[in-house]
């Protein structure tokens, strides 16, 4: 973890990160770099904040079904990149509600 921590403190890396709005960069990277000592331990267990800040790129269509208080739900996670959109048009058949989740950090 010390090598990664030193890399994150590097002036060139910090200057690059300051310009991350100009290119695709993970907006939660600073959080994880600043918490390296806690994360790099052998018995690390992610905190709720850690879990909420993780981003996994969705490709294709990922469907998760679950029951909550007797109500069945089906959540469909779709890739938002332009080349992924043609894959999820069929997901709108028999839809009761649509919730769009977007990263505010991507808005400019």
N, C-alpha and C. Protein backbone atom coordinates (compact mmCIF):
# COMPACT_ATOMS: atom_id res chain seq x y z
N UNK A 1 0.80 -1.20 0.00
CA UNK A 1 0.00 0.00 0.00
C UNK A 1 0.84 1.26 0.00
N UNK A 2 2.07 1.18 0.53
CA UNK A 2 2.91 2.38 0.62
C UNK A 2 3.31 2.90 -0.76
N UNK A 3 3.59 1.99 -1.69
CA UNK A 3 3.97 2.41 -3.03
C UNK A 3 2.82 3.13 -3.72
N UNK A 4 1.62 2.61 -3.56
CA UNK A 4 0.44 3.25 -4.17
C UNK A 4 0.18 4.59 -3.51
N UNK A 5 0.35 4.65 -2.20
CA UNK A 5 0.16 5.90 -1.46
C UNK A 5 1.16 6.96 -1.94
N UNK A 6 2.41 6.56 -2.13
CA UNK A 6 3.43 7.49 -2.63
C UNK A 6 3.09 7.96 -4.04
N UNK A 7 2.61 7.05 -4.86
CA UNK A 7 2.21 7.40 -6.22
C UNK A 7 1.09 8.44 -6.19
N UNK A 8 0.10 8.24 -5.34
CA UNK A 8 -1.03 9.17 -5.24
C UNK A 8 -0.57 10.55 -4.79
N UNK A 9 0.45 10.62 -3.94
CA UNK A 9 0.97 11.91 -3.47
C UNK A 9 1.85 12.60 -4.50
N UNK A 10 2.23 11.90 -5.55
CA UNK A 10 3.11 12.46 -6.57
C UNK A 10 2.46 13.69 -7.21
N UNK A 11 3.25 14.73 -7.38
CA UNK A 11 2.75 16.00 -7.92
C UNK A 11 2.15 15.85 -9.31
N UNK A 12 2.78 15.06 -10.17
CA UNK A 12 2.26 14.86 -11.53
C UNK A 12 0.90 14.16 -11.49
N UNK A 13 0.75 13.18 -10.61
CA UNK A 13 -0.54 12.48 -10.48
C UNK A 13 -1.60 13.45 -9.98
N UNK A 14 -1.27 14.28 -9.02
CA UNK A 14 -2.22 15.26 -8.49
C UNK A 14 -2.63 16.28 -9.56
N UNK A 15 -1.67 16.73 -10.36
CA UNK A 15 -2.00 17.67 -11.46
C UNK A 15 -2.91 17.00 -12.48
N UNK A 16 -2.61 15.74 -12.78
CA UNK A 16 -3.44 14.99 -13.73
C UNK A 16 -4.84 14.83 -13.18
N UNK A 17 -4.94 14.47 -11.91
CA UNK A 17 -6.26 14.30 -11.30
C UNK A 17 -7.05 15.61 -11.28
N UNK A 18 -6.37 16.72 -11.10
CA UNK A 18 -7.04 18.02 -11.11
C UNK A 18 -7.69 18.31 -12.47
N UNK A 19 -7.22 17.66 -13.51
CA UNK A 19 -7.77 17.83 -14.85
C UNK A 19 -8.65 16.65 -15.26
N UNK A 20 -9.05 15.82 -14.33
CA UNK A 20 -9.79 14.60 -14.67
C UNK A 20 -11.13 14.87 -15.33
N UNK A 21 -11.64 16.08 -15.21
CA UNK A 21 -12.89 16.42 -15.91
C UNK A 21 -12.71 16.45 -17.42
N UNK A 22 -11.45 16.46 -17.88
CA UNK A 22 -11.16 16.50 -19.31
C UNK A 22 -11.12 15.12 -19.96
N UNK A 23 -11.14 14.07 -19.16
CA UNK A 23 -11.08 12.71 -19.68
C UNK A 23 -11.82 11.79 -18.73
N UNK A 24 -12.00 10.55 -19.11
CA UNK A 24 -12.71 9.60 -18.27
C UNK A 24 -11.82 9.15 -17.13
N UNK A 25 -12.27 9.44 -15.92
CA UNK A 25 -11.53 9.03 -14.72
C UNK A 25 -12.55 8.67 -13.64
N UNK A 26 -12.21 7.73 -12.82
CA UNK A 26 -13.09 7.31 -11.74
C UNK A 26 -13.14 8.42 -10.69
N UNK A 27 -14.34 8.99 -10.47
CA UNK A 27 -14.45 10.10 -9.54
C UNK A 27 -14.30 9.70 -8.08
N UNK A 28 -14.31 8.41 -7.77
CA UNK A 28 -14.12 7.98 -6.39
C UNK A 28 -12.66 7.60 -6.10
N UNK A 29 -11.79 7.71 -7.08
CA UNK A 29 -10.38 7.36 -6.87
C UNK A 29 -9.76 8.09 -5.69
N UNK A 30 -9.95 9.41 -5.53
CA UNK A 30 -9.34 10.08 -4.38
C UNK A 30 -9.77 9.47 -3.04
N UNK A 31 -11.02 9.11 -2.93
CA UNK A 31 -11.52 8.49 -1.69
C UNK A 31 -10.72 7.24 -1.36
N UNK A 32 -10.54 6.35 -2.35
CA UNK A 32 -9.84 5.10 -2.10
C UNK A 32 -8.35 5.33 -1.85
N UNK A 33 -7.74 6.24 -2.59
CA UNK A 33 -6.33 6.54 -2.35
C UNK A 33 -6.12 7.11 -0.96
N UNK A 34 -7.02 7.97 -0.51
CA UNK A 34 -6.89 8.59 0.81
C UNK A 34 -7.18 7.60 1.94
N UNK A 35 -7.80 6.49 1.64
CA UNK A 35 -8.12 5.47 2.65
C UNK A 35 -7.28 4.20 2.47
N UNK A 36 -6.16 4.32 1.79
CA UNK A 36 -5.32 3.15 1.49
C UNK A 36 -4.86 2.39 2.73
N UNK A 37 -4.46 3.10 3.78
CA UNK A 37 -3.97 2.40 4.98
C UNK A 37 -5.03 1.48 5.56
N UNK A 38 -6.27 1.93 5.57
CA UNK A 38 -7.37 1.12 6.09
C UNK A 38 -7.71 -0.02 5.13
N UNK A 39 -7.65 0.26 3.84
CA UNK A 39 -8.05 -0.72 2.84
C UNK A 39 -6.99 -1.79 2.61
N UNK A 40 -5.72 -1.44 2.79
CA UNK A 40 -4.62 -2.35 2.45
C UNK A 40 -4.32 -3.40 3.52
N UNK A 41 -5.08 -3.41 4.62
CA UNK A 41 -4.82 -4.40 5.67
C UNK A 41 -5.32 -5.78 5.23
N UNK A 42 -4.69 -6.83 5.76
CA UNK A 42 -5.04 -8.20 5.38
C UNK A 42 -6.49 -8.56 5.68
N UNK A 43 -7.03 -8.05 6.78
CA UNK A 43 -8.39 -8.42 7.18
C UNK A 43 -9.41 -7.33 6.81
N UNK A 44 -9.16 -6.62 5.73
CA UNK A 44 -10.03 -5.52 5.28
C UNK A 44 -11.45 -6.00 5.02
N UNK A 45 -12.40 -5.27 5.57
CA UNK A 45 -13.81 -5.44 5.26
C UNK A 45 -14.32 -4.09 4.78
N UNK A 46 -14.95 -4.04 3.63
CA UNK A 46 -15.41 -2.74 3.11
C UNK A 46 -16.48 -2.12 3.99
N UNK A 47 -16.38 -0.80 4.16
CA UNK A 47 -17.41 -0.06 4.89
C UNK A 47 -18.56 0.22 3.93
N UNK A 48 -19.65 0.74 4.46
CA UNK A 48 -20.78 1.10 3.61
C UNK A 48 -20.35 2.17 2.59
N UNK A 49 -19.54 3.13 3.04
CA UNK A 49 -19.02 4.15 2.11
C UNK A 49 -18.18 3.53 1.01
N UNK A 50 -17.35 2.56 1.36
CA UNK A 50 -16.52 1.87 0.36
C UNK A 50 -17.41 1.24 -0.71
N UNK A 51 -18.43 0.56 -0.26
CA UNK A 51 -19.34 -0.15 -1.18
C UNK A 51 -20.07 0.84 -2.07
N UNK A 52 -20.52 1.95 -1.49
CA UNK A 52 -21.27 2.94 -2.27
C UNK A 52 -20.40 3.66 -3.30
N UNK A 53 -19.10 3.71 -3.06
CA UNK A 53 -18.21 4.43 -3.97
C UNK A 53 -17.59 3.55 -5.06
N UNK A 54 -17.82 2.26 -4.99
CA UNK A 54 -17.29 1.37 -6.01
C UNK A 54 -18.11 1.52 -7.28
N UNK A 55 -17.43 1.54 -8.40
CA UNK A 55 -18.13 1.61 -9.67
C UNK A 55 -17.69 0.43 -10.52
N UNK A 56 -18.67 -0.27 -11.02
CA UNK A 56 -18.39 -1.36 -11.95
C UNK A 56 -19.11 -1.03 -13.25
N UNK A 57 -18.38 -0.96 -14.33
CA UNK A 57 -18.98 -0.65 -15.62
C UNK A 57 -19.95 -1.75 -16.02
N UNK A 58 -21.14 -1.35 -16.39
CA UNK A 58 -22.14 -2.31 -16.85
C UNK A 58 -22.01 -2.48 -18.35
N UNK A 59 -21.90 -3.72 -18.77
CA UNK A 59 -21.95 -4.00 -20.20
C UNK A 59 -23.10 -4.97 -20.41
N UNK A 60 -23.86 -4.73 -21.43
CA UNK A 60 -25.03 -5.58 -21.67
C UNK A 60 -26.13 -5.24 -20.69
N UNK A 61 -26.91 -6.23 -20.35
CA UNK A 61 -28.05 -6.06 -19.46
C UNK A 61 -27.89 -7.01 -18.27
N UNK A 62 -27.95 -6.46 -17.06
CA UNK A 62 -27.85 -7.27 -15.85
C UNK A 62 -29.17 -7.16 -15.11
N UNK A 63 -29.80 -8.30 -14.88
CA UNK A 63 -31.12 -8.33 -14.24
C UNK A 63 -31.01 -8.95 -12.85
N UNK A 64 -31.60 -8.27 -11.86
CA UNK A 64 -31.61 -8.76 -10.48
C UNK A 64 -33.05 -8.77 -10.00
N UNK A 65 -33.51 -9.92 -9.54
CA UNK A 65 -34.88 -10.05 -9.02
C UNK A 65 -34.81 -10.27 -7.51
N UNK A 66 -35.71 -9.59 -6.78
CA UNK A 66 -35.77 -9.78 -5.33
C UNK A 66 -37.17 -9.46 -4.83
N UNK A 67 -37.45 -9.94 -3.62
CA UNK A 67 -38.74 -9.71 -2.98
C UNK A 67 -38.50 -8.88 -1.73
N UNK A 68 -39.27 -7.81 -1.56
CA UNK A 68 -39.16 -6.95 -0.39
C UNK A 68 -40.54 -6.70 0.16
N UNK A 69 -40.76 -7.13 1.38
CA UNK A 69 -42.05 -6.97 2.05
C UNK A 69 -43.20 -7.49 1.19
N UNK A 70 -43.00 -8.66 0.59
CA UNK A 70 -44.03 -9.32 -0.20
C UNK A 70 -44.20 -8.78 -1.61
N UNK A 71 -43.43 -7.78 -1.98
CA UNK A 71 -43.53 -7.20 -3.32
C UNK A 71 -42.33 -7.65 -4.15
N UNK A 72 -42.60 -8.20 -5.33
CA UNK A 72 -41.52 -8.64 -6.22
C UNK A 72 -40.99 -7.47 -7.03
N UNK A 73 -39.67 -7.41 -7.12
CA UNK A 73 -39.01 -6.37 -7.89
C UNK A 73 -38.07 -7.01 -8.89
N UNK A 74 -37.91 -6.34 -10.01
CA UNK A 74 -36.91 -6.73 -11.00
C UNK A 74 -36.16 -5.46 -11.37
N UNK A 75 -34.89 -5.41 -11.02
CA UNK A 75 -34.06 -4.27 -11.35
C UNK A 75 -33.17 -4.65 -12.52
N UNK A 76 -33.20 -3.83 -13.55
CA UNK A 76 -32.41 -4.09 -14.74
C UNK A 76 -31.37 -2.98 -14.86
N UNK A 77 -30.12 -3.38 -14.79
CA UNK A 77 -29.01 -2.45 -14.91
C UNK A 77 -28.48 -2.56 -16.33
N UNK A 78 -28.46 -1.44 -17.02
CA UNK A 78 -28.03 -1.45 -18.41
C UNK A 78 -26.83 -0.52 -18.59
N UNK A 79 -26.01 -0.87 -19.53
CA UNK A 79 -24.87 0.00 -19.86
C UNK A 79 -25.38 1.26 -20.52
N UNK A 80 -24.90 2.40 -20.06
CA UNK A 80 -25.36 3.68 -20.59
C UNK A 80 -24.55 4.20 -21.76
N UNK A 81 -23.44 3.58 -22.06
CA UNK A 81 -22.64 4.04 -23.18
C UNK A 81 -23.43 3.87 -24.49
N UNK A 82 -23.18 4.75 -25.39
CA UNK A 82 -23.94 4.77 -26.65
C UNK A 82 -23.99 3.40 -27.33
N UNK A 83 -22.88 2.68 -27.35
CA UNK A 83 -22.86 1.38 -28.04
C UNK A 83 -23.61 0.30 -27.26
N UNK A 84 -24.00 0.55 -26.00
CA UNK A 84 -24.75 -0.42 -25.20
C UNK A 84 -26.25 -0.23 -25.33
N UNK A 85 -26.70 0.91 -25.76
CA UNK A 85 -28.13 1.25 -25.72
C UNK A 85 -29.02 0.33 -26.55
N UNK A 86 -28.51 -0.14 -27.68
CA UNK A 86 -29.35 -1.02 -28.52
C UNK A 86 -29.66 -2.34 -27.83
N UNK A 87 -28.88 -2.69 -26.81
CA UNK A 87 -29.07 -3.97 -26.12
C UNK A 87 -30.23 -3.93 -25.13
N UNK A 88 -30.68 -2.73 -24.70
CA UNK A 88 -31.68 -2.69 -23.65
C UNK A 88 -33.04 -2.12 -24.05
N UNK A 89 -33.27 -1.86 -25.31
CA UNK A 89 -34.56 -1.34 -25.75
C UNK A 89 -35.69 -2.29 -25.37
N UNK A 90 -35.46 -3.60 -25.50
CA UNK A 90 -36.49 -4.60 -25.20
C UNK A 90 -36.85 -4.64 -23.70
N UNK A 91 -36.07 -4.03 -22.85
CA UNK A 91 -36.32 -4.06 -21.41
C UNK A 91 -37.51 -3.19 -21.00
N UNK A 92 -38.07 -2.41 -21.92
CA UNK A 92 -39.17 -1.53 -21.58
C UNK A 92 -40.54 -2.17 -21.77
N UNK A 93 -40.61 -3.45 -22.14
CA UNK A 93 -41.90 -4.14 -22.25
C UNK A 93 -42.44 -4.39 -20.85
N UNK A 94 -43.72 -4.08 -20.63
CA UNK A 94 -44.42 -4.33 -19.35
C UNK A 94 -43.72 -3.66 -18.17
N UNK A 95 -43.27 -2.43 -18.33
CA UNK A 95 -42.58 -1.71 -17.27
C UNK A 95 -43.57 -0.92 -16.44
N UNK A 96 -43.44 -0.99 -15.12
CA UNK A 96 -44.28 -0.22 -14.21
C UNK A 96 -43.63 1.10 -13.84
N UNK A 97 -42.32 1.10 -13.67
CA UNK A 97 -41.59 2.32 -13.29
C UNK A 97 -40.18 2.27 -13.88
N UNK A 98 -39.66 3.45 -14.15
CA UNK A 98 -38.29 3.57 -14.64
C UNK A 98 -37.55 4.53 -13.72
N UNK A 99 -36.40 4.12 -13.25
CA UNK A 99 -35.55 4.98 -12.43
C UNK A 99 -34.22 5.12 -13.14
N UNK A 100 -33.88 6.34 -13.48
CA UNK A 100 -32.58 6.58 -14.12
C UNK A 100 -31.59 7.00 -13.04
N UNK A 101 -30.47 6.34 -13.01
CA UNK A 101 -29.40 6.67 -12.07
C UNK A 101 -28.22 7.13 -12.91
N UNK A 102 -27.79 8.35 -12.66
CA UNK A 102 -26.68 8.91 -13.41
C UNK A 102 -25.68 9.53 -12.43
N UNK A 103 -24.46 9.66 -12.86
CA UNK A 103 -23.43 10.27 -12.03
C UNK A 103 -23.44 11.78 -12.25
N UNK A 104 -23.67 12.53 -11.20
CA UNK A 104 -23.65 13.98 -11.32
C UNK A 104 -22.25 14.47 -11.70
N UNK A 105 -21.25 13.68 -11.37
CA UNK A 105 -19.88 14.07 -11.72
C UNK A 105 -19.65 14.07 -13.22
N UNK A 106 -20.52 13.43 -13.97
CA UNK A 106 -20.39 13.39 -15.42
C UNK A 106 -21.08 14.55 -16.10
N UNK A 107 -21.83 15.35 -15.34
CA UNK A 107 -22.58 16.48 -15.90
C UNK A 107 -21.67 17.70 -16.00
N UNK A 108 -21.66 18.36 -17.17
CA UNK A 108 -20.89 19.59 -17.29
C UNK A 108 -21.56 20.57 -18.21
